[in-house]
Each structure stands twice: as C-alpha cells, then as structure tokens.
C-alpha cells in the first residue's frame, strides 16, 4: 500500500489556469469560439483541450519559455513536497494540462523527478495531444479518474487536491480531499472527508492533524 497525494495542476499547484493563459496568448480569438462550440456540444475537458490546442500557433520553445516566465505555484507547494517526503507520502501530479507548461514549471523548481501525468503533446503540422490511461490506452474523457481508480485498485490510500468540475469524479474516490472553487461547491455536502484550502500551508496543517488517523482507519478496513 502507498500513500498517494494526487495533485491537480491548473488553479491548484499553479495559482492560475495555465491552459487558459496559453490559449489567450497563442491561440487568439479563434480559441474562444472553439471553446464555446465545444461546451455547447458537451465535449469532455480532454476533447475541449485538444480542440483548443489545434488553434495554437507557436513553437515548443516559445510555449515552454512562456511557461517558465509566467508560471507561479501556490504558496506552500514546496513545503508540501517536503512534508510528503518526510512522512512517506508519494506526491503525483495528475492534470488535463499540457506537458509544455507543466514540465517547465515543475522542473524550474528542481522537481524534475516529481511524477506527473498530463497531456502529452506533439507537433505534426499542427499541435496534437494524447491523454493516456495508466495502462497506456488513449482516453477521450476520464483521464484524472483513470489514475484515481488505478491507485485505489492497487490498494493505495489516496488524498486528492483540486479545484474544478473535472476533478469531481477523481476526488470523489479519494479517502480525503482538499478542494477549492467549483470542486468545493460540489463536494462539501457529499464527501465524508473534504477540506477547503487556499494555500498548501492549509493542506499541510490538516495533514499534520488528520493524516495518521486516516491511515489507521484505512489499515483497519475503513473506507
């Protein structure tokens, strides 16, 4: 059994939605039209991200440089990674974001060995992205949920931190969750163990107080 700290990236690790910033900077007005059409059609977040990526006109280096220049992480993030290391937890980033901004932001912090799962992009005449499940199957929806399910199926105890509607299915499977914004609105009445947060200092405070009890209950056969 492993203790998994599953972290969303946009608006969670990063203080802003980096995908939106990239689209606004490099996709122009066309992205807004594509995003609106995608939402009207009821497409998944993965499908909407792929459609938006098709609008981008920039090189890989331009995109990575933009991420390094603009990406800011939420206060307490590095302290949370330290806490996880000292307390035998495995932090893992699971994000619908793109590798060309997730990787530069994390690597610039010296976290090049931090495990992360996100949209893997390539440029073949135009930008493309793949969202692969833990088994390497390309997904059109449910990317985050596939990892939460895999962790649970392996017998791991999962704590999830996120902010948006796309986090709801994965966070709902977690033994405990930290939530902001839309995720908090959706989980606060239904999840048996959900805590609000604004910084990762808030998360650490709860983990220091509650994590040992969660693990003891889980080991004893509780949910």
C-alpha atoms as a PDB file:
ATOM      1  CA  UNK A   1       0.000   0.000   0.000  1.00  0.00           C
ATOM      2  CA  UNK A   2       1.207   3.512  -0.821  1.00  0.00           C
ATOM      3  CA  UNK A   3       0.017   6.851   0.470  1.00  0.00           C
ATOM      4  CA  UNK A   4      -0.754   8.912  -2.616  1.00  0.00           C
ATOM      5  CA  UNK A   5      -1.076  12.688  -2.654  1.00  0.00           C
ATOM      6  CA  UNK A   6      -2.743  13.335  -6.007  1.00  0.00           C
ATOM      7  CA  UNK A   7      -2.459  16.953  -7.160  1.00  0.00           C
ATOM      8  CA  UNK A   8      -4.210  18.806  -9.962  1.00  0.00           C
ATOM      9  CA  UNK A   9      -2.079  21.462 -11.696  1.00  0.00           C
ATOM     10  CA  UNK A  10      -4.103  24.350 -13.177  1.00  0.00           C
ATOM     11  CA  UNK A  11      -5.551  26.595 -10.457  1.00  0.00           C
ATOM     12  CA  UNK A  12      -4.235  24.131  -7.874  1.00  0.00           C
ATOM     13  CA  UNK A  13      -0.461  23.805  -7.984  1.00  0.00           C
ATOM     14  CA  UNK A  14      -0.371  26.801 -10.321  1.00  0.00           C
ATOM     15  CA  UNK A  15      -2.122  29.885  -8.996  1.00  0.00           C
ATOM     16  CA  UNK A  16      -3.694  30.442 -12.413  1.00  0.00           C
ATOM     17  CA  UNK A  17      -5.152  28.319 -15.174  1.00  0.00           C
ATOM     18  CA  UNK A  18      -2.075  27.955 -17.352  1.00  0.00           C
ATOM     19  CA  UNK A  19      -4.026  26.380 -20.203  1.00  0.00           C
ATOM     20  CA  UNK A  20      -6.223  29.454 -20.431  1.00  0.00           C
ATOM     21  CA  UNK A  21      -3.193  31.733 -20.341  1.00  0.00           C
ATOM     22  CA  UNK A  22      -1.551  29.775 -23.168  1.00  0.00           C
ATOM     23  CA  UNK A  23      -4.716  29.820 -25.266  1.00  0.00           C
ATOM     24  CA  UNK A  24      -5.223  33.545 -24.745  1.00  0.00           C
ATOM     25  CA  UNK A  25      -1.597  34.284 -25.656  1.00  0.00           C
ATOM     26  CA  UNK A  26      -1.022  31.922 -28.578  1.00  0.00           C
ATOM     27  CA  UNK A  27      -4.446  30.952 -29.973  1.00  0.00           C
ATOM     28  CA  UNK A  28      -6.109  34.349 -30.264  1.00  0.00           C
ATOM     29  CA  UNK A  29      -9.843  34.948 -30.791  1.00  0.00           C
ATOM     30  CA  UNK A  30     -10.350  31.635 -32.550  1.00  0.00           C
ATOM     31  CA  UNK A  31      -9.850  29.737 -29.289  1.00  0.00           C
ATOM     32  CA  UNK A  32     -12.805  31.450 -27.599  1.00  0.00           C
ATOM     33  CA  UNK A  33     -15.064  30.417 -30.467  1.00  0.00           C
ATOM     34  CA  UNK A  34     -13.794  26.828 -30.426  1.00  0.00           C
ATOM     35  CA  UNK A  35     -14.168  26.620 -26.634  1.00  0.00           C
ATOM     36  CA  UNK A  36     -17.734  27.920 -26.781  1.00  0.00           C
ATOM     37  CA  UNK A  37     -18.637  25.458 -29.548  1.00  0.00           C
ATOM     38  CA  UNK A  38     -17.043  22.586 -27.629  1.00  0.00           C
ATOM     39  CA  UNK A  39     -19.022  23.387 -24.498  1.00  0.00           C
ATOM     40  CA  UNK A  40     -22.277  23.610 -26.462  1.00  0.00           C
ATOM     41  CA  UNK A  41     -21.574  20.177 -27.883  1.00  0.00           C
ATOM     42  CA  UNK A  42     -20.983  18.773 -24.393  1.00  0.00           C
ATOM     43  CA  UNK A  43     -17.420  17.675 -25.116  1.00  0.00           C
ATOM     44  CA  UNK A  44     -15.211  16.422 -22.305  1.00  0.00           C
ATOM     45  CA  UNK A  45     -12.421  18.548 -20.862  1.00  0.00           C
ATOM     46  CA  UNK A  46      -9.912  16.365 -22.710  1.00  0.00           C
ATOM     47  CA  UNK A  47     -11.712  16.924 -26.012  1.00  0.00           C
ATOM     48  CA  UNK A  48     -12.005  20.672 -25.369  1.00  0.00           C
ATOM     49  CA  UNK A  49      -8.311  20.920 -24.595  1.00  0.00           C
ATOM     50  CA  UNK A  50      -7.456  19.054 -27.794  1.00  0.00           C
ATOM     51  CA  UNK A  51      -9.687  21.374 -29.835  1.00  0.00           C
ATOM     52  CA  UNK A  52      -8.112  24.432 -28.256  1.00  0.00           C
ATOM     53  CA  UNK A  53      -4.605  23.128 -28.852  1.00  0.00           C
ATOM     54  CA  UNK A  54      -5.371  22.931 -32.553  1.00  0.00           C
ATOM     55  CA  UNK A  55      -5.687  26.739 -32.527  1.00  0.00           C
ATOM     56  CA  UNK A  56      -2.197  27.393 -31.168  1.00  0.00           C
ATOM     57  CA  UNK A  57       0.453  28.847 -33.421  1.00  0.00           C
ATOM     58  CA  UNK A  58       3.757  28.732 -31.559  1.00  0.00           C
ATOM     59  CA  UNK A  59       6.866  26.581 -31.311  1.00  0.00           C
ATOM     60  CA  UNK A  60       7.574  24.215 -28.460  1.00  0.00           C
ATOM     61  CA  UNK A  61      10.332  26.505 -27.193  1.00  0.00           C
ATOM     62  CA  UNK A  62       8.060  29.548 -27.275  1.00  0.00           C
ATOM     63  CA  UNK A  63       5.443  27.690 -25.239  1.00  0.00           C
ATOM     64  CA  UNK A  64       7.968  26.392 -22.714  1.00  0.00           C
ATOM     65  CA  UNK A  65       9.591  29.804 -22.347  1.00  0.00           C
ATOM     66  CA  UNK A  66       6.177  31.347 -21.716  1.00  0.00           C
ATOM     67  CA  UNK A  67       5.523  28.763 -19.002  1.00  0.00           C
ATOM     68  CA  UNK A  68       8.856  29.458 -17.318  1.00  0.00           C
ATOM     69  CA  UNK A  69       8.241  33.210 -17.409  1.00  0.00           C
ATOM     70  CA  UNK A  70       4.633  33.217 -16.202  1.00  0.00           C
ATOM     71  CA  UNK A  71       4.035  30.047 -14.198  1.00  0.00           C
ATOM     72  CA  UNK A  72       3.705  30.665 -10.466  1.00  0.00           C
ATOM     73  CA  UNK A  73       2.957  27.975  -7.918  1.00  0.00           C
ATOM     74  CA  UNK A  74       0.602  28.314  -4.982  1.00  0.00           C
ATOM     75  CA  UNK A  75       2.241  29.273  -1.671  1.00  0.00           C
ATOM     76  CA  UNK A  76       3.309  26.286   0.368  1.00  0.00           C
ATOM     77  CA  UNK A  77       3.748  23.939  -2.588  1.00  0.00           C
ATOM     78  CA  UNK A  78       7.427  23.218  -1.991  1.00  0.00           C
ATOM     79  CA  UNK A  79       6.756  22.802   1.716  1.00  0.00           C
ATOM     80  CA  UNK A  80       4.053  20.263   0.853  1.00  0.00           C
ATOM     81  CA  UNK A  81       6.507  18.283  -1.276  1.00  0.00           C
ATOM     82  CA  UNK A  82       8.947  18.321   1.639  1.00  0.00           C
ATOM     83  CA  UNK A  83       6.178  17.194   4.005  1.00  0.00           C
ATOM     84  CA  UNK A  84       5.343  14.294   1.697  1.00  0.00           C
ATOM     85  CA  UNK A  85       8.997  13.223   1.525  1.00  0.00           C
ATOM     86  CA  UNK A  86       9.442  13.311   5.301  1.00  0.00           C
ATOM     87  CA  UNK A  87       6.178  11.492   6.000  1.00  0.00           C
ATOM     88  CA  UNK A  88       6.366   8.715   3.410  1.00  0.00           C
ATOM     89  CA  UNK A  89       3.751  10.040   1.002  1.00  0.00           C
ATOM     90  CA  UNK A  90       4.046   9.943  -2.783  1.00  0.00           C
ATOM     91  CA  UNK A  91       3.050  13.234  -4.464  1.00  0.00           C
ATOM     92  CA  UNK A  92       1.816  12.724  -8.023  1.00  0.00           C
ATOM     93  CA  UNK A  93       0.592  15.399 -10.412  1.00  0.00           C
ATOM     94  CA  UNK A  94      -2.439  14.366 -12.494  1.00  0.00           C
ATOM     95  CA  UNK A  95      -3.576  17.116 -14.830  1.00  0.00           C
ATOM     96  CA  UNK A  96      -5.518  17.746 -18.006  1.00  0.00           C
ATOM     97  CA  UNK A  97      -2.866  20.386 -18.731  1.00  0.00           C
ATOM     98  CA  UNK A  98      -0.147  20.103 -21.348  1.00  0.00           C
ATOM     99  CA  UNK A  99       3.400  18.888 -20.844  1.00  0.00           C
ATOM    100  CA  UNK A 100       4.894  22.010 -22.417  1.00  0.00           C
ATOM    101  CA  UNK A 101       3.841  24.072 -19.416  1.00  0.00           C
ATOM    102  CA  UNK A 102       3.548  21.503 -16.612  1.00  0.00           C
ATOM    103  CA  UNK A 103       7.089  20.203 -17.099  1.00  0.00           C
ATOM    104  CA  UNK A 104       8.906  23.577 -17.290  1.00  0.00           C
ATOM    105  CA  UNK A 105       7.155  24.945 -14.195  1.00  0.00           C
ATOM    106  CA  UNK A 106       7.938  21.872 -12.099  1.00  0.00           C
ATOM    107  CA  UNK A 107      11.454  21.388 -13.468  1.00  0.00           C
ATOM    108  CA  UNK A 108      12.344  25.035 -12.734  1.00  0.00           C
ATOM    109  CA  UNK A 109      11.647  24.264  -9.061  1.00  0.00           C
ATOM    110  CA  UNK A 110      14.111  21.378  -9.111  1.00  0.00           C
ATOM    111  CA  UNK A 111      11.255  18.858  -9.185  1.00  0.00           C
ATOM    112  CA  UNK A 112      12.284  17.124 -12.396  1.00  0.00           C
ATOM    113  CA  UNK A 113      11.826  13.744 -10.685  1.00  0.00           C
ATOM    114  CA  UNK A 114       8.339  14.515  -9.388  1.00  0.00           C
ATOM    115  CA  UNK A 115       5.941  12.081 -11.034  1.00  0.00           C
ATOM    116  CA  UNK A 116       3.438  13.791 -13.300  1.00  0.00           C
ATOM    117  CA  UNK A 117       0.730  12.619 -15.704  1.00  0.00           C
ATOM    118  CA  UNK A 118      -0.687  15.168 -18.141  1.00  0.00           C
ATOM    119  CA  UNK A 119      -1.495  15.709 -21.786  1.00  0.00           C
ATOM    120  CA  UNK A 120       1.495  14.695 -23.916  1.00  0.00           C
ATOM    121  CA  UNK A 121       1.795  16.917 -26.953  1.00  0.00           C
ATOM    122  CA  UNK A 122       3.453  16.704 -30.338  1.00  0.00           C
ATOM    123  CA  UNK A 123       3.582  18.910 -33.402  1.00  0.00           C
ATOM    124  CA  UNK A 124       2.782  17.222 -36.730  1.00  0.00           C
ATOM    125  CA  UNK A 125       1.878  20.148 -38.999  1.00  0.00           C
ATOM    126  CA  UNK A 126      -0.328  21.259 -36.114  1.00  0.00           C
ATOM    127  CA  UNK A 127      -0.438  20.580 -32.387  1.00  0.00           C
ATOM    128  CA  UNK A 128      -1.854  17.286 -31.114  1.00  0.00           C
ATOM    129  CA  UNK A 129      -2.275  15.852 -27.598  1.00  0.00           C
ATOM    130  CA  UNK A 130      -2.733  12.390 -26.088  1.00  0.00           C
ATOM    131  CA  UNK A 131      -4.227  11.574 -22.729  1.00  0.00           C
ATOM    132  CA  UNK A 132      -3.124   8.060 -21.825  1.00  0.00           C
ATOM    133  CA  UNK A 133      -4.547   5.952 -19.015  1.00  0.00           C
ATOM    134  CA  UNK A 134      -2.248   4.130 -16.567  1.00  0.00           C
ATOM    135  CA  UNK A 135      -2.448   1.173 -18.956  1.00  0.00           C
ATOM    136  CA  UNK A 136      -1.350   3.296 -21.921  1.00  0.00           C
ATOM    137  CA  UNK A 137      -4.794   3.483 -23.540  1.00  0.00           C
ATOM    138  CA  UNK A 138      -5.627   6.816 -25.161  1.00  0.00           C
ATOM    139  CA  UNK A 139      -8.613   8.433 -23.471  1.00  0.00           C
ATOM    140  CA  UNK A 140     -11.116  10.969 -24.757  1.00  0.00           C
ATOM    141  CA  UNK A 141     -12.521  11.530 -21.259  1.00  0.00           C
ATOM    142  CA  UNK A 142     -11.968  10.499 -17.658  1.00  0.00           C
ATOM    143  CA  UNK A 143      -8.194  10.990 -17.611  1.00  0.00           C
ATOM    144  CA  UNK A 144      -7.936  12.016 -13.943  1.00  0.00           C
ATOM    145  CA  UNK A 145     -10.487   9.417 -12.901  1.00  0.00           C
ATOM    146  CA  UNK A 146      -8.438   6.666 -14.582  1.00  0.00           C
ATOM    147  CA  UNK A 147      -5.485   7.398 -12.302  1.00  0.00           C
ATOM    148  CA  UNK A 148      -7.547   7.704  -9.129  1.00  0.00           C
ATOM    149  CA  UNK A 149      -9.184   4.374  -9.975  1.00  0.00           C
ATOM    150  CA  UNK A 150      -5.809   2.736 -10.625  1.00  0.00           C
ATOM    151  CA  UNK A 151      -4.431   3.950  -7.300  1.00  0.00           C
ATOM    152  CA  UNK A 152      -7.484   2.684  -5.437  1.00  0.00           C
ATOM    153  CA  UNK A 153      -7.379  -0.650  -7.271  1.00  0.00           C
ATOM    154  CA  UNK A 154      -3.739  -1.078  -6.209  1.00  0.00           C
ATOM    155  CA  UNK A 155      -4.827  -0.715  -2.580  1.00  0.00           C
ATOM    156  CA  UNK A 156      -3.363   2.757  -2.121  1.00  0.00           C
ATOM    157  CA  UNK A 157      -4.772   5.422   0.169  1.00  0.00           C
ATOM    158  CA  UNK A 158      -5.475   8.491  -1.974  1.00  0.00           C
ATOM    159  CA  UNK A 159      -5.720  12.115  -0.937  1.00  0.00           C
ATOM    160  CA  UNK A 160      -6.779  14.418  -3.781  1.00  0.00           C
ATOM    161  CA  UNK A 161      -6.318  18.185  -4.142  1.00  0.00           C
ATOM    162  CA  UNK A 162      -8.056  20.137  -6.902  1.00  0.00           C
ATOM    163  CA  UNK A 163     -10.347  22.981  -7.816  1.00  0.00           C
ATOM    164  CA  UNK A 164     -12.644  22.275 -10.748  1.00  0.00           C
ATOM    165  CA  UNK A 165     -15.548  20.247 -12.044  1.00  0.00           C
ATOM    166  CA  UNK A 166     -13.154  17.967 -13.926  1.00  0.00           C
ATOM    167  CA  UNK A 167     -11.712  16.934 -10.550  1.00  0.00           C
ATOM    168  CA  UNK A 168     -15.045  15.773  -9.095  1.00  0.00           C
ATOM    169  CA  UNK A 169     -15.029  12.091 -10.188  1.00  0.00           C
ATOM    170  CA  UNK A 170     -11.426  11.515  -9.092  1.00  0.00           C
ATOM    171  CA  UNK A 171     -11.761  13.443  -5.831  1.00  0.00           C
ATOM    172  CA  UNK A 172     -14.955  11.550  -5.012  1.00  0.00           C
ATOM    173  CA  UNK A 173     -12.961   8.301  -4.983  1.00  0.00           C
ATOM    174  CA  UNK A 174     -10.288   9.673  -2.657  1.00  0.00           C
ATOM    175  CA  UNK A 175     -10.229   8.815   1.028  1.00  0.00           C
ATOM    176  CA  UNK A 176      -9.783  12.518   1.730  1.00  0.00           C
ATOM    177  CA  UNK A 177      -9.899  15.587  -0.479  1.00  0.00           C
ATOM    178  CA  UNK A 178      -8.774  19.199  -0.470  1.00  0.00           C
ATOM    179  CA  UNK A 179     -10.959  21.440  -2.591  1.00  0.00           C
ATOM    180  CA  UNK A 180     -11.270  24.966  -3.909  1.00  0.00           C
ATOM    181  CA  UNK A 181     -13.858  26.781  -6.019  1.00  0.00           C
ATOM    182  CA  UNK A 182     -16.147  24.510  -8.053  1.00  0.00           C
ATOM    183  CA  UNK A 183     -14.752  21.321  -6.548  1.00  0.00           C
ATOM    184  CA  UNK A 184     -15.538  22.549  -3.033  1.00  0.00           C
ATOM    185  CA  UNK A 185     -19.047  23.537  -4.119  1.00  0.00           C
ATOM    186  CA  UNK A 186     -19.640  20.049  -5.492  1.00  0.00           C
ATOM    187  CA  UNK A 187     -18.064  18.005  -2.677  1.00  0.00           C
ATOM    188  CA  UNK A 188     -18.786  19.839   0.555  1.00  0.00           C
ATOM    189  CA  UNK A 189     -22.227  18.288   1.069  1.00  0.00           C
ATOM    190  CA  UNK A 190     -21.396  14.766  -0.128  1.00  0.00           C
ATOM    191  CA  UNK A 191     -17.768  13.815   0.503  1.00  0.00           C
ATOM    192  CA  UNK A 192     -17.219  12.402   4.010  1.00  0.00           C
ATOM    193  CA  UNK A 193     -13.759  13.944   4.353  1.00  0.00           C
ATOM    194  CA  UNK A 194     -13.223  17.143   2.362  1.00  0.00           C
ATOM    195  CA  UNK A 195     -11.355  20.267   3.481  1.00  0.00           C
ATOM    196  CA  UNK A 196     -11.204  23.701   1.839  1.00  0.00           C
ATOM    197  CA  UNK A 197      -7.834  25.285   1.109  1.00  0.00           C
ATOM    198  CA  UNK A 198      -6.343  28.419  -0.366  1.00  0.00           C
ATOM    199  CA  UNK A 199      -2.642  27.702   0.107  1.00  0.00           C
ATOM    200  CA  UNK A 200      -0.775  24.463   0.594  1.00  0.00           C
ATOM    201  CA  UNK A 201       0.026  25.607   4.107  1.00  0.00           C
ATOM    202  CA  UNK A 202      -3.678  24.929   4.771  1.00  0.00           C
ATOM    203  CA  UNK A 203      -3.241  21.429   3.357  1.00  0.00           C
ATOM    204  CA  UNK A 204      -0.168  20.719   5.478  1.00  0.00           C
ATOM    205  CA  UNK A 205      -1.953  21.835   8.644  1.00  0.00           C
ATOM    206  CA  UNK A 206      -4.764  19.334   8.052  1.00  0.00           C
ATOM    207  CA  UNK A 207      -2.360  16.552   7.087  1.00  0.00           C
ATOM    208  CA  UNK A 208      -0.345  17.090  10.266  1.00  0.00           C
ATOM    209  CA  UNK A 209      -3.530  16.844  12.294  1.00  0.00           C
ATOM    210  CA  UNK A 210      -5.509  14.172  10.456  1.00  0.00           C
ATOM    211  CA  UNK A 211      -3.346  12.007   8.180  1.00  0.00           C
ATOM    212  CA  UNK A 212      -2.272   9.452  10.771  1.00  0.00           C
ATOM    213  CA  UNK A 213      -5.886   8.853  11.750  1.00  0.00           C
ATOM    214  CA  UNK A 214      -6.944   8.444   8.112  1.00  0.00           C
ATOM    215  CA  UNK A 215      -4.245   5.818   7.552  1.00  0.00           C
ATOM    216  CA  UNK A 216      -5.063   3.931  10.741  1.00  0.00           C
ATOM    217  CA  UNK A 217      -8.739   3.774   9.796  1.00  0.00           C
ATOM    218  CA  UNK A 218      -7.854   2.674   6.261  1.00  0.00           C
ATOM    219  CA  UNK A 219      -5.473  -0.040   7.514  1.00  0.00           C
ATOM    220  CA  UNK A 220      -8.182  -1.299   9.854  1.00  0.00           C
ATOM    221  CA  UNK A 221     -10.512  -1.786   6.908  1.00  0.00           C
ATOM    222  CA  UNK A 222     -12.371   1.517   6.930  1.00  0.00           C
ATOM    223  CA  UNK A 223     -13.133   3.480   3.773  1.00  0.00           C
END
